[in-house]
Protein backbone atom coordinates (compact mmCIF):
# COMPACT_ATOMS: atom_id res chain seq x y z
CA UNK A 1 129.16 45.04 -162.87
CA UNK A 2 125.83 44.91 -161.01
CA UNK A 3 125.84 45.98 -157.43
CA UNK A 4 125.48 43.10 -154.99
CA UNK A 5 123.44 43.81 -151.93
CA UNK A 6 124.66 42.34 -148.66
CA UNK A 7 121.20 41.39 -147.44
CA UNK A 8 120.28 39.23 -150.40
CA UNK A 9 121.56 35.72 -150.53
CA UNK A 10 122.66 34.13 -153.73
CA UNK A 11 120.00 31.58 -154.73
CA UNK A 12 122.64 29.24 -156.14
CA UNK A 13 124.27 28.98 -152.69
CA UNK A 14 121.10 28.16 -150.75
CA UNK A 15 120.61 24.68 -149.35
CA UNK A 16 117.24 23.12 -149.93
CA UNK A 17 115.40 22.44 -146.67
CA UNK A 18 113.14 19.44 -146.37
CA UNK A 19 109.57 20.15 -145.37
CA UNK A 20 109.87 17.59 -142.55
CA UNK A 21 112.68 19.62 -140.99
CA UNK A 22 110.60 22.78 -141.06
CA UNK A 23 107.61 20.93 -139.60
CA UNK A 24 109.75 19.56 -136.76
CA UNK A 25 111.07 22.99 -135.87
CA UNK A 26 107.64 24.61 -136.00
CA UNK A 27 106.15 21.89 -133.81
CA UNK A 28 109.08 22.14 -131.37
CA UNK A 29 108.63 25.90 -131.02
CA UNK A 30 104.90 25.47 -130.43
CA UNK A 31 105.59 22.74 -127.88
CA UNK A 32 108.14 24.90 -126.08
CA UNK A 33 105.62 27.74 -125.89
CA UNK A 34 102.72 25.57 -124.75
CA UNK A 35 104.79 23.63 -122.20
CA UNK A 36 107.14 26.39 -121.15
CA UNK A 37 104.48 28.91 -120.18
CA UNK A 38 102.87 26.72 -117.49
CA UNK A 39 106.30 25.62 -116.29
CA UNK A 40 107.39 29.19 -115.72
CA UNK A 41 104.05 30.16 -114.20
CA UNK A 42 104.06 27.25 -111.75
CA UNK A 43 107.67 27.88 -110.79
CA UNK A 44 107.02 31.59 -110.29
CA UNK A 45 103.84 31.12 -108.25
CA UNK A 46 105.08 28.30 -106.01
CA UNK A 47 107.12 30.54 -103.64
CA UNK A 48 104.09 32.81 -103.12
CA UNK A 49 101.78 29.91 -102.32
CA UNK A 50 104.44 28.33 -100.13
CA UNK A 51 104.21 31.31 -97.78
CA UNK A 52 100.57 30.53 -97.02
CA UNK A 53 100.55 26.74 -97.24
CA UNK A 54 103.86 24.88 -97.53
CA UNK A 55 102.49 21.67 -99.04
CA UNK A 56 100.68 23.51 -101.84
CA UNK A 57 103.79 25.50 -102.70
CA UNK A 58 105.89 22.35 -102.85
CA UNK A 59 103.21 20.69 -104.98
CA UNK A 60 103.32 23.49 -107.53
CA UNK A 61 107.10 23.38 -107.42
CA UNK A 62 107.11 19.64 -108.23
CA UNK A 63 104.52 20.11 -110.99
CA UNK A 64 106.70 22.77 -112.61
CA UNK A 65 109.55 20.26 -112.78
CA UNK A 66 107.34 17.53 -114.21
CA UNK A 67 105.87 19.79 -116.90
CA UNK A 68 109.32 21.14 -117.74
CA UNK A 69 110.78 17.65 -118.08
CA UNK A 70 107.83 16.51 -120.20
CA UNK A 71 108.19 19.52 -122.48
CA UNK A 72 111.91 18.99 -122.93
CA UNK A 73 111.44 15.27 -123.54
CA UNK A 74 108.76 16.07 -126.12
CA UNK A 75 111.05 18.42 -128.00
CA UNK A 76 113.81 15.80 -127.96
CA UNK A 77 111.39 13.18 -129.31
CA UNK A 78 110.19 15.53 -132.06
CA UNK A 79 113.78 15.91 -133.21
CA UNK A 80 114.31 12.13 -132.89
CA UNK A 81 116.97 12.45 -130.20
CA UNK A 82 117.51 10.33 -127.14
CA UNK A 83 115.36 11.34 -124.19
CA UNK A 84 118.30 10.79 -121.84
CA UNK A 85 120.18 13.93 -122.73
CA UNK A 86 121.86 16.82 -120.94
CA UNK A 87 119.13 19.00 -122.46
CA UNK A 88 116.78 17.69 -119.77
CA UNK A 89 118.49 20.15 -117.43
CA UNK A 90 116.84 22.93 -119.43
CA UNK A 91 113.46 21.52 -118.43
CA UNK A 92 114.14 21.67 -114.71
CA UNK A 93 115.88 25.06 -114.73
CA UNK A 94 112.76 27.00 -113.62
CA UNK A 95 112.23 24.44 -110.86
CA UNK A 96 115.83 24.74 -109.72
CA UNK A 97 115.69 28.53 -109.64
CA UNK A 98 112.44 28.64 -107.66
CA UNK A 99 113.76 26.02 -105.21
CA UNK A 100 115.86 28.76 -103.64
CA UNK A 101 112.67 30.67 -102.75
CA UNK A 102 110.50 27.68 -101.86
CA UNK A 103 112.86 26.13 -99.31
């Protein structure tokens, strides 16, 4: 009996994956990276700028929420889901965390 290795999957048990599904996931990951980086940067920098000028810090804080919501909505649209979803909370999480330091 041939030895079966635990790290190799049996090709007969694999599910075929549509190319559209792979494209959606790749685009969603790219979108999360491109939209998430500015969201985190704006949310992280807003408390520092708020110390010098309050209105500028609040402006960056609001922009972090807008970019986060837009990124999350974009990912939901890529996966053909409803934009009104509890996942939108993930988009405003950096904004909510930095709110403690801004106000």
